[in-house]
Amino acid sequence: MKIFVLIVLFFYTLLSLNMAQAETFKRILALAPHACEMLYAIGASSQMVGAVDYCDYPEAAKTLPRVGNYQGIHVEAALRLKPDAAVVMSRNVKGIVQLEKMGITIIVSNPKNFEGVFQDMLRLGQITGHEQEAKTLVSKQRIRLQHVRKHADTHIRVFYELWADPLLTVGGLSFINALIDEAGGHNIFADIPMDSPRINVESVLRARPDLVIVPLEQRNIKERRIFWQKWLGYGHVQVLAINPDILHRPGSRLMDGLEALQKLFTKVDSP
């Protein structure tokens, strides 16, 4: 009799697990721009009921109700949308704990490398009922990544101007550092064990980059080009711009960013 009971309990547990795995969320808050892009990319747009500032891609995302930003979530506004889940970059954002206490399932997505991006896409596919779409997307992305890696042999010395004032760059712990490496470049500040270290112009001069990359984010590329060419002065250095959204967001457009980086490297003569 005990054996029979154990067998029944075993199969009941398996059934419960399968039901849990099959559960999908119908009303989702995308509380990070990259999560918003991922959900659209896997075909789950109809399940998104709200977003945060800077969730601006694709164009349709701009019509979603806004319930906060990087600093915090407006809990009452979020709850009025009757969500059953929220995809966030960090639980430390103000308001996330309150949402969880109110019964909203919190799903953290903060990938640190390409494999992490792919796994998060697949996970979002599972919880939205778009598993096959997510698998197809990841498969295509993996092919593109292998193509980039195959041609990553330029070894251009890169200075990435993350911000101009104060002057910030990307260190060895930054995801952008990994992108530069994957595309075939060498981040001149890769040996700094930080995400976004503050530096000075003199340290850039000493490192002698071949390429300065300036994200088009509240900056005038013409002014930044004049600035760096004045300071660096030597013949072969180039100052080129890039769209920050495809590099700074670990989402479905990240391969676009990687390919754009590699394209920039081809415009620079190897030292």
C-alpha atoms as a PDB file:
ATOM      1  CA  MET A   1       0.000   0.000   0.000  1.00  0.00           C
ATOM      2  CA  LYS A   2       2.826   2.383   0.882  1.00  0.00           C
ATOM      3  CA  ILE A   3       4.509   1.669  -2.447  1.00  0.00           C
ATOM      4  CA  PHE A   4       1.244   2.423  -4.273  1.00  0.00           C
ATOM      5  CA  VAL A   5       0.896   5.741  -2.427  1.00  0.00           C
ATOM      6  CA  LEU A   6       4.491   6.672  -3.252  1.00  0.00           C
ATOM      7  CA  ILE A   7       3.926   5.889  -6.931  1.00  0.00           C
ATOM      8  CA  VAL A   8       0.768   8.023  -6.986  1.00  0.00           C
ATOM      9  CA  LEU A   9       2.586  10.888  -5.272  1.00  0.00           C
ATOM     10  CA  PHE A  10       5.460  10.583  -7.746  1.00  0.00           C
ATOM     11  CA  PHE A  11       3.207  10.861 -10.789  1.00  0.00           C
ATOM     12  CA  TYR A  12       1.200  13.654  -9.158  1.00  0.00           C
ATOM     13  CA  THR A  13       4.432  15.589  -8.632  1.00  0.00           C
ATOM     14  CA  LEU A  14       5.444  15.085 -12.258  1.00  0.00           C
ATOM     15  CA  LEU A  15       2.006  16.254 -13.398  1.00  0.00           C
ATOM     16  CA  SER A  16       2.252  19.342 -11.192  1.00  0.00           C
ATOM     17  CA  LEU A  17       5.691  20.182 -12.542  1.00  0.00           C
ATOM     18  CA  ASN A  18       4.502  19.828 -16.130  1.00  0.00           C
ATOM     19  CA  MET A  19       1.518  22.053 -15.417  1.00  0.00           C
ATOM     20  CA  ALA A  20       3.809  24.643 -13.857  1.00  0.00           C
ATOM     21  CA  GLN A  21       6.120  24.513 -16.842  1.00  0.00           C
ATOM     22  CA  ALA A  22       3.167  24.905 -19.195  1.00  0.00           C
ATOM     23  CA  GLU A  23       1.869  27.974 -17.336  1.00  0.00           C
ATOM     24  CA  THR A  24       2.215  31.164 -19.345  1.00  0.00           C
ATOM     25  CA  PHE A  25       1.864  34.766 -18.307  1.00  0.00           C
ATOM     26  CA  LYS A  26      -0.771  36.803 -20.116  1.00  0.00           C
ATOM     27  CA  ARG A  27      -0.167  40.332 -18.805  1.00  0.00           C
ATOM     28  CA  ILE A  28       3.502  41.288 -18.611  1.00  0.00           C
ATOM     29  CA  LEU A  29       5.305  44.465 -17.607  1.00  0.00           C
ATOM     30  CA  ALA A  30       8.563  45.023 -19.507  1.00  0.00           C
ATOM     31  CA  LEU A  31      10.518  47.011 -16.915  1.00  0.00           C
ATOM     32  CA  ALA A  32      13.791  47.167 -18.876  1.00  0.00           C
ATOM     33  CA  PRO A  33      14.297  48.323 -22.490  1.00  0.00           C
ATOM     34  CA  HIS A  34      16.139  45.157 -23.537  1.00  0.00           C
ATOM     35  CA  ALA A  35      13.339  42.987 -22.113  1.00  0.00           C
ATOM     36  CA  CYS A  36      10.825  44.978 -24.106  1.00  0.00           C
ATOM     37  CA  GLU A  37      12.787  44.318 -27.293  1.00  0.00           C
ATOM     38  CA  MET A  38      13.131  40.618 -26.522  1.00  0.00           C
ATOM     39  CA  LEU A  39       9.399  40.181 -25.929  1.00  0.00           C
ATOM     40  CA  TYR A  40       8.567  41.861 -29.230  1.00  0.00           C
ATOM     41  CA  ALA A  41      11.208  39.807 -31.054  1.00  0.00           C
ATOM     42  CA  ILE A  42       9.712  36.485 -29.926  1.00  0.00           C
ATOM     43  CA  GLY A  43       6.167  37.525 -30.823  1.00  0.00           C
ATOM     44  CA  ALA A  44       4.817  38.217 -27.333  1.00  0.00           C
ATOM     45  CA  SER A  45       3.807  41.835 -27.938  1.00  0.00           C
ATOM     46  CA  SER A  46       0.097  41.196 -27.316  1.00  0.00           C
ATOM     47  CA  GLN A  47       0.940  40.068 -23.754  1.00  0.00           C
ATOM     48  CA  MET A  48       2.756  43.277 -22.832  1.00  0.00           C
ATOM     49  CA  VAL A  49       0.618  45.718 -20.864  1.00  0.00           C
ATOM     50  CA  GLY A  50       3.191  48.258 -19.685  1.00  0.00           C
ATOM     51  CA  ALA A  51       6.796  49.392 -19.933  1.00  0.00           C
ATOM     52  CA  VAL A  52       9.319  51.928 -18.645  1.00  0.00           C
ATOM     53  CA  ASP A  53      10.987  54.964 -20.174  1.00  0.00           C
ATOM     54  CA  TYR A  54      13.375  54.211 -23.048  1.00  0.00           C
ATOM     55  CA  CYS A  55      11.330  51.182 -24.144  1.00  0.00           C
ATOM     56  CA  ASP A  56      11.244  52.661 -27.634  1.00  0.00           C
ATOM     57  CA  TYR A  57      11.931  49.771 -30.000  1.00  0.00           C
ATOM     58  CA  PRO A  58      10.215  48.648 -32.100  1.00  0.00           C
ATOM     59  CA  GLU A  59       8.022  51.655 -32.918  1.00  0.00           C
ATOM     60  CA  ALA A  60       4.949  49.946 -31.475  1.00  0.00           C
ATOM     61  CA  ALA A  61       6.611  49.845 -28.044  1.00  0.00           C
ATOM     62  CA  LYS A  62       6.220  53.613 -27.750  1.00  0.00           C
ATOM     63  CA  THR A  63       2.463  53.184 -27.329  1.00  0.00           C
ATOM     64  CA  LEU A  64       2.742  51.040 -24.188  1.00  0.00           C
ATOM     65  CA  PRO A  65       1.709  52.722 -20.909  1.00  0.00           C
ATOM     66  CA  ARG A  66       4.720  53.947 -18.900  1.00  0.00           C
ATOM     67  CA  VAL A  67       4.993  52.917 -15.266  1.00  0.00           C
ATOM     68  CA  GLY A  68       8.487  54.108 -14.321  1.00  0.00           C
ATOM     69  CA  ASN A  69      12.136  54.365 -15.277  1.00  0.00           C
ATOM     70  CA  TYR A  70      15.608  53.286 -14.125  1.00  0.00           C
ATOM     71  CA  GLN A  71      15.140  55.092 -10.811  1.00  0.00           C
ATOM     72  CA  GLY A  72      11.907  53.437  -9.801  1.00  0.00           C
ATOM     73  CA  ILE A  73       8.505  51.981 -10.630  1.00  0.00           C
ATOM     74  CA  HIS A  74       5.186  53.703  -9.953  1.00  0.00           C
ATOM     75  CA  VAL A  75       3.593  50.788  -8.148  1.00  0.00           C
ATOM     76  CA  GLU A  76      -0.005  52.018  -8.224  1.00  0.00           C
ATOM     77  CA  ALA A  77       0.180  52.758 -11.954  1.00  0.00           C
ATOM     78  CA  ALA A  78       1.699  49.327 -12.565  1.00  0.00           C
ATOM     79  CA  LEU A  79      -0.982  47.519 -10.551  1.00  0.00           C
ATOM     80  CA  ARG A  80      -3.775  49.290 -12.437  1.00  0.00           C
ATOM     81  CA  LEU A  81      -2.607  47.405 -15.530  1.00  0.00           C
ATOM     82  CA  LYS A  82      -3.339  44.117 -13.706  1.00  0.00           C
ATOM     83  CA  PRO A  83      -0.048  42.377 -14.599  1.00  0.00           C
ATOM     84  CA  ASP A  84       0.729  38.809 -13.632  1.00  0.00           C
ATOM     85  CA  ALA A  85       4.485  39.116 -14.286  1.00  0.00           C
ATOM     86  CA  ALA A  86       7.214  41.727 -14.658  1.00  0.00           C
ATOM     87  CA  VAL A  87      10.560  41.344 -16.425  1.00  0.00           C
ATOM     88  CA  VAL A  88      13.197  43.475 -14.685  1.00  0.00           C
ATOM     89  CA  MET A  89      16.942  44.056 -14.862  1.00  0.00           C
ATOM     90  CA  SER A  90      17.332  44.178 -11.082  1.00  0.00           C
ATOM     91  CA  ARG A  91      15.227  43.584  -7.977  1.00  0.00           C
ATOM     92  CA  ASN A  92      16.938  46.600  -6.427  1.00  0.00           C
ATOM     93  CA  VAL A  93      14.946  49.109  -8.483  1.00  0.00           C
ATOM     94  CA  LYS A  94      12.516  50.993  -6.257  1.00  0.00           C
ATOM     95  CA  GLY A  95       9.049  49.464  -6.398  1.00  0.00           C
ATOM     96  CA  ILE A  96       9.979  45.956  -7.564  1.00  0.00           C
ATOM     97  CA  VAL A  97       9.779  44.431  -4.069  1.00  0.00           C
ATOM     98  CA  GLN A  98       6.333  45.973  -3.573  1.00  0.00           C
ATOM     99  CA  LEU A  99       5.123  44.462  -6.852  1.00  0.00           C
ATOM    100  CA  GLU A 100       6.363  41.050  -5.760  1.00  0.00           C
ATOM    101  CA  LYS A 101       4.586  41.398  -2.414  1.00  0.00           C
ATOM    102  CA  MET A 102       1.383  42.113  -4.324  1.00  0.00           C
ATOM    103  CA  GLY A 103       1.663  38.758  -6.080  1.00  0.00           C
ATOM    104  CA  ILE A 104       3.369  39.803  -9.313  1.00  0.00           C
ATOM    105  CA  THR A 105       5.915  37.234 -10.529  1.00  0.00           C
ATOM    106  CA  ILE A 106       9.297  38.919 -10.947  1.00  0.00           C
ATOM    107  CA  ILE A 107      11.601  37.637 -13.695  1.00  0.00           C
ATOM    108  CA  VAL A 108      15.143  39.026 -13.625  1.00  0.00           C
ATOM    109  CA  SER A 109      16.979  39.438 -16.934  1.00  0.00           C
ATOM    110  CA  ASN A 110      20.477  40.898 -16.720  1.00  0.00           C
ATOM    111  CA  PRO A 111      22.688  38.856 -19.062  1.00  0.00           C
ATOM    112  CA  LYS A 112      26.456  39.378 -18.980  1.00  0.00           C
ATOM    113  CA  ASN A 113      27.413  37.617 -22.203  1.00  0.00           C
ATOM    114  CA  PHE A 114      25.909  36.288 -25.421  1.00  0.00           C
ATOM    115  CA  GLU A 115      25.007  32.940 -23.916  1.00  0.00           C
ATOM    116  CA  GLY A 116      23.162  34.775 -21.158  1.00  0.00           C
ATOM    117  CA  VAL A 117      21.226  36.760 -23.768  1.00  0.00           C
ATOM    118  CA  PHE A 118      20.295  33.587 -25.610  1.00  0.00           C
ATOM    119  CA  GLN A 119      19.181  31.827 -22.427  1.00  0.00           C
ATOM    120  CA  ASP A 120      17.021  34.775 -21.401  1.00  0.00           C
ATOM    121  CA  MET A 121      15.347  34.795 -24.814  1.00  0.00           C
ATOM    122  CA  LEU A 122      14.559  31.101 -24.462  1.00  0.00           C
ATOM    123  CA  ARG A 123      13.277  31.629 -20.908  1.00  0.00           C
ATOM    124  CA  LEU A 124      10.962  34.426 -22.032  1.00  0.00           C
ATOM    125  CA  GLY A 125       9.756  32.158 -24.806  1.00  0.00           C
ATOM    126  CA  GLN A 126       8.806  29.511 -22.251  1.00  0.00           C
ATOM    127  CA  ILE A 127       6.891  31.840 -19.926  1.00  0.00           C
ATOM    128  CA  THR A 128       4.965  33.504 -22.750  1.00  0.00           C
ATOM    129  CA  GLY A 129       4.059  30.449 -24.797  1.00  0.00           C
ATOM    130  CA  HIS A 130       6.371  31.487 -27.636  1.00  0.00           C
ATOM    131  CA  GLU A 131       9.017  28.843 -27.096  1.00  0.00           C
ATOM    132  CA  GLN A 132       9.398  27.888 -30.752  1.00  0.00           C
ATOM    133  CA  GLU A 133       9.703  31.510 -31.883  1.00  0.00           C
ATOM    134  CA  ALA A 134      12.402  32.060 -29.257  1.00  0.00           C
ATOM    135  CA  LYS A 135      14.305  28.934 -30.337  1.00  0.00           C
ATOM    136  CA  THR A 136      14.199  30.055 -33.969  1.00  0.00           C
ATOM    137  CA  LEU A 137      15.442  33.528 -33.072  1.00  0.00           C
ATOM    138  CA  VAL A 138      18.296  32.198 -30.934  1.00  0.00           C
ATOM    139  CA  SER A 139      19.328  29.758 -33.659  1.00  0.00           C
ATOM    140  CA  LYS A 140      19.619  32.598 -36.173  1.00  0.00           C
ATOM    141  CA  GLN A 141      21.522  34.724 -33.684  1.00  0.00           C
ATOM    142  CA  ARG A 142      24.014  31.934 -33.007  1.00  0.00           C
ATOM    143  CA  ILE A 143      24.737  31.639 -36.739  1.00  0.00           C
ATOM    144  CA  ARG A 144      25.394  35.392 -36.956  1.00  0.00           C
ATOM    145  CA  LEU A 145      27.669  35.235 -33.917  1.00  0.00           C
ATOM    146  CA  GLN A 146      29.760  32.448 -35.438  1.00  0.00           C
ATOM    147  CA  HIS A 147      30.089  34.461 -38.651  1.00  0.00           C
ATOM    148  CA  VAL A 148      31.391  37.475 -36.721  1.00  0.00           C
ATOM    149  CA  ARG A 149      33.828  35.339 -34.744  1.00  0.00           C
ATOM    150  CA  LYS A 150      35.126  33.811 -37.975  1.00  0.00           C
ATOM    151  CA  HIS A 151      36.091  37.255 -39.251  1.00  0.00           C
ATOM    152  CA  ALA A 152      37.319  38.728 -35.950  1.00  0.00           C
ATOM    153  CA  ASP A 153      40.990  39.185 -36.771  1.00  0.00           C
ATOM    154  CA  THR A 154      41.602  42.943 -37.038  1.00  0.00           C
ATOM    155  CA  HIS A 155      43.081  43.581 -33.544  1.00  0.00           C
ATOM    156  CA  ILE A 156      42.273  47.298 -33.701  1.00  0.00           C
ATOM    157  CA  ARG A 157      43.115  49.183 -30.496  1.00  0.00           C
ATOM    158  CA  VAL A 158      39.813  50.720 -29.390  1.00  0.00           C
ATOM    159  CA  PHE A 159      38.895  53.523 -27.018  1.00  0.00           C
ATOM    160  CA  TYR A 160      35.162  53.532 -26.272  1.00  0.00           C
ATOM    161  CA  GLU A 161      33.964  56.901 -24.993  1.00  0.00           C
ATOM    162  CA  LEU A 162      31.079  55.771 -22.827  1.00  0.00           C
ATOM    163  CA  TRP A 163      30.521  59.334 -21.614  1.00  0.00           C
ATOM    164  CA  ALA A 164      32.276  62.636 -22.287  1.00  0.00           C
ATOM    165  CA  ASP A 165      31.881  64.684 -19.088  1.00  0.00           C
ATOM    166  CA  PRO A 166      33.006  63.130 -16.856  1.00  0.00           C
ATOM    167  CA  LEU A 167      35.109  61.019 -19.176  1.00  0.00           C
ATOM    168  CA  LEU A 168      34.029  57.391 -18.796  1.00  0.00           C
ATOM    169  CA  THR A 169      35.002  54.294 -20.718  1.00  0.00           C
ATOM    170  CA  VAL A 170      34.346  50.548 -20.544  1.00  0.00           C
ATOM    171  CA  GLY A 171      36.523  48.319 -18.392  1.00  0.00           C
ATOM    172  CA  GLY A 172      37.154  44.606 -18.411  1.00  0.00           C
ATOM    173  CA  LEU A 173      33.916  43.760 -16.594  1.00  0.00           C
ATOM    174  CA  SER A 174      31.711  45.583 -19.094  1.00  0.00           C
ATOM    175  CA  PHE A 175      29.562  43.721 -21.568  1.00  0.00           C
ATOM    176  CA  ILE A 176      30.707  46.219 -24.218  1.00  0.00           C
ATOM    177  CA  ASN A 177      34.288  45.100 -23.593  1.00  0.00           C
ATOM    178  CA  ALA A 178      33.212  41.565 -24.492  1.00  0.00           C
ATOM    179  CA  LEU A 179      31.570  42.873 -27.669  1.00  0.00           C
ATOM    180  CA  ILE A 180      34.733  44.691 -28.724  1.00  0.00           C
ATOM    181  CA  ASP A 181      36.709  41.493 -28.184  1.00  0.00           C
ATOM    182  CA  GLU A 182      34.192  39.336 -30.066  1.00  0.00           C
ATOM    183  CA  ALA A 183      34.278  41.733 -33.031  1.00  0.00           C
ATOM    184  CA  GLY A 184      38.055  41.493 -33.242  1.00  0.00           C
ATOM    185  CA  GLY A 185      39.133  44.676 -31.487  1.00  0.00           C
ATOM    186  CA  HIS A 186      41.147  45.303 -28.332  1.00  0.00           C
ATOM    187  CA  ASN A 187      39.740  47.588 -25.658  1.00  0.00           C
ATOM    188  CA  ILE A 188      42.690  49.694 -24.449  1.00  0.00           C
ATOM    189  CA  PHE A 189      41.205  49.725 -20.921  1.00  0.00           C
ATOM    190  CA  ALA A 190      40.316  46.036 -20.723  1.00  0.00           C
ATOM    191  CA  ASP A 191      42.751  45.537 -17.852  1.00  0.00           C
ATOM    192  CA  ILE A 192      40.683  47.759 -15.522  1.00  0.00           C
ATOM    193  CA  PRO A 193      38.470  45.398 -13.444  1.00  0.00           C
ATOM    194  CA  MET A 194      35.408  47.655 -13.558  1.00  0.00           C
ATOM    195  CA  ASP A 195      32.315  48.198 -15.711  1.00  0.00           C
ATOM    196  CA  SER A 196      32.667  51.912 -16.453  1.00  0.00           C
ATOM    197  CA  PRO A 197      35.822  53.462 -14.982  1.00  0.00           C
ATOM    198  CA  ARG A 198      36.398  57.203 -14.923  1.00  0.00           C
ATOM    199  CA  ILE A 199      39.611  58.124 -16.730  1.00  0.00           C
ATOM    200  CA  ASN A 200      41.475  61.187 -17.992  1.00  0.00           C
ATOM    201  CA  VAL A 201      42.609  62.297 -21.432  1.00  0.00           C
ATOM    202  CA  GLU A 202      46.253  61.620 -20.616  1.00  0.00           C
ATOM    203  CA  SER A 203      45.571  57.907 -20.027  1.00  0.00           C
ATOM    204  CA  VAL A 204      43.973  57.698 -23.474  1.00  0.00           C
ATOM    205  CA  LEU A 205      47.005  59.410 -24.997  1.00  0.00           C
ATOM    206  CA  ARG A 206      49.363  56.922 -23.368  1.00  0.00           C
ATOM    207  CA  ALA A 207      47.328  53.950 -24.659  1.00  0.00           C
ATOM    208  CA  ARG A 208      47.436  55.271 -28.263  1.00  0.00           C
ATOM    209  CA  PRO A 209      44.193  53.858 -29.710  1.00  0.00           C
ATOM    210  CA  ASP A 210      43.687  53.329 -33.427  1.00  0.00           C
ATOM    211  CA  LEU A 211      39.961  54.004 -33.132  1.00  0.00           C
ATOM    212  CA  VAL A 212      37.798  56.152 -30.879  1.00  0.00           C
ATOM    213  CA  ILE A 213      34.137  55.087 -30.788  1.00  0.00           C
ATOM    214  CA  VAL A 214      31.575  57.663 -29.690  1.00  0.00           C
ATOM    215  CA  PRO A 215      28.000  56.504 -28.975  1.00  0.00           C
ATOM    216  CA  LEU A 216      25.449  58.928 -30.436  1.00  0.00           C
ATOM    217  CA  GLU A 217      23.856  59.679 -27.076  1.00  0.00           C
ATOM    218  CA  GLN A 218      23.458  63.357 -26.163  1.00  0.00           C
ATOM    219  CA  ARG A 219      26.724  64.149 -27.924  1.00  0.00           C
ATOM    220  CA  ASN A 220      27.787  65.928 -31.087  1.00  0.00           C
ATOM    221  CA  ILE A 221      29.983  63.560 -33.051  1.00  0.00           C
ATOM    222  CA  LYS A 222      31.579  66.418 -34.992  1.00  0.00           C
ATOM    223  CA  GLU A 223      32.656  68.139 -31.764  1.00  0.00           C
ATOM    224  CA  ARG A 224      33.943  64.890 -30.260  1.00  0.00           C
ATOM    225  CA  ARG A 225      35.886  64.104 -33.437  1.00  0.00           C
ATOM    226  CA  ILE A 226      37.562  67.534 -33.348  1.00  0.00           C
ATOM    227  CA  PHE A 227      38.324  67.064 -29.650  1.00  0.00           C
ATOM    228  CA  TRP A 228      40.002  63.664 -29.989  1.00  0.00           C
ATOM    229  CA  GLN A 229      41.866  64.398 -33.192  1.00  0.00           C
ATOM    230  CA  LYS A 230      43.249  67.533 -31.549  1.00  0.00           C
ATOM    231  CA  TRP A 231      44.468  65.584 -28.500  1.00  0.00           C
ATOM    232  CA  LEU A 232      45.585  62.379 -30.162  1.00  0.00           C
ATOM    233  CA  GLY A 233      47.050  64.133 -33.162  1.00  0.00           C
ATOM    234  CA  TYR A 234      48.816  61.189 -34.778  1.00  0.00           C
ATOM    235  CA  GLY A 235      47.961  60.133 -38.295  1.00  0.00           C
ATOM    236  CA  HIS A 236      46.025  56.889 -38.276  1.00  0.00           C
ATOM    237  CA  VAL A 237      43.527  57.424 -35.428  1.00  0.00           C
ATOM    238  CA  GLN A 238      39.874  57.604 -36.458  1.00  0.00           C
ATOM    239  CA  VAL A 239      36.818  58.787 -34.524  1.00  0.00           C
ATOM    240  CA  LEU A 240      33.602  57.022 -35.521  1.00  0.00           C
ATOM    241  CA  ALA A 241      30.044  57.004 -34.168  1.00  0.00           C
ATOM    242  CA  ILE A 242      27.671  54.172 -33.319  1.00  0.00           C
ATOM    243  CA  ASN A 243      24.064  53.789 -32.178  1.00  0.00           C
ATOM    244  CA  PRO A 244      24.270  53.087 -28.417  1.00  0.00           C
ATOM    245  CA  ASP A 245      20.926  51.266 -28.237  1.00  0.00           C
ATOM    246  CA  ILE A 246      22.239  48.289 -30.207  1.00  0.00           C
ATOM    247  CA  LEU A 247      25.275  47.957 -27.927  1.00  0.00           C
ATOM    248  CA  HIS A 248      24.143  49.091 -24.496  1.00  0.00           C
ATOM    249  CA  ARG A 249      21.010  46.924 -24.380  1.00  0.00           C
ATOM    250  CA  PRO A 250      21.641  43.165 -23.981  1.00  0.00           C
ATOM    251  CA  GLY A 251      18.618  42.245 -26.072  1.00  0.00           C
ATOM    252  CA  SER A 252      17.517  40.999 -29.458  1.00  0.00           C
ATOM    253  CA  ARG A 253      19.414  43.706 -31.409  1.00  0.00           C
ATOM    254  CA  LEU A 254      22.757  42.928 -29.812  1.00  0.00           C
ATOM    255  CA  MET A 255      23.969  41.053 -32.873  1.00  0.00           C
ATOM    256  CA  ASP A 256      23.235  44.187 -34.907  1.00  0.00           C
ATOM    257  CA  GLY A 257      25.552  46.015 -32.525  1.00  0.00           C
ATOM    258  CA  LEU A 258      28.288  43.412 -32.798  1.00  0.00           C
ATOM    259  CA  GLU A 259      28.159  43.476 -36.592  1.00  0.00           C
ATOM    260  CA  ALA A 260      28.195  47.288 -36.562  1.00  0.00           C
ATOM    261  CA  LEU A 261      31.308  47.226 -34.382  1.00  0.00           C
ATOM    262  CA  GLN A 262      33.079  44.856 -36.723  1.00  0.00           C
ATOM    263  CA  LYS A 263      32.120  47.062 -39.668  1.00  0.00           C
ATOM    264  CA  LEU A 264      33.720  50.051 -37.904  1.00  0.00           C
ATOM    265  CA  PHE A 265      36.913  48.050 -37.424  1.00  0.00           C
ATOM    266  CA  THR A 266      37.169  47.423 -41.173  1.00  0.00           C
ATOM    267  CA  LYS A 267      37.320  51.197 -41.729  1.00  0.00           C
ATOM    268  CA  VAL A 268      40.545  51.446 -39.736  1.00  0.00           C
ATOM    269  CA  ASP A 269      43.924  50.577 -41.167  1.00  0.00           C
ATOM    270  CA  SER A 270      45.708  48.013 -39.033  1.00  0.00           C
ATOM    271  CA  PRO A 271      48.775  49.433 -37.294  1.00  0.00           C
END
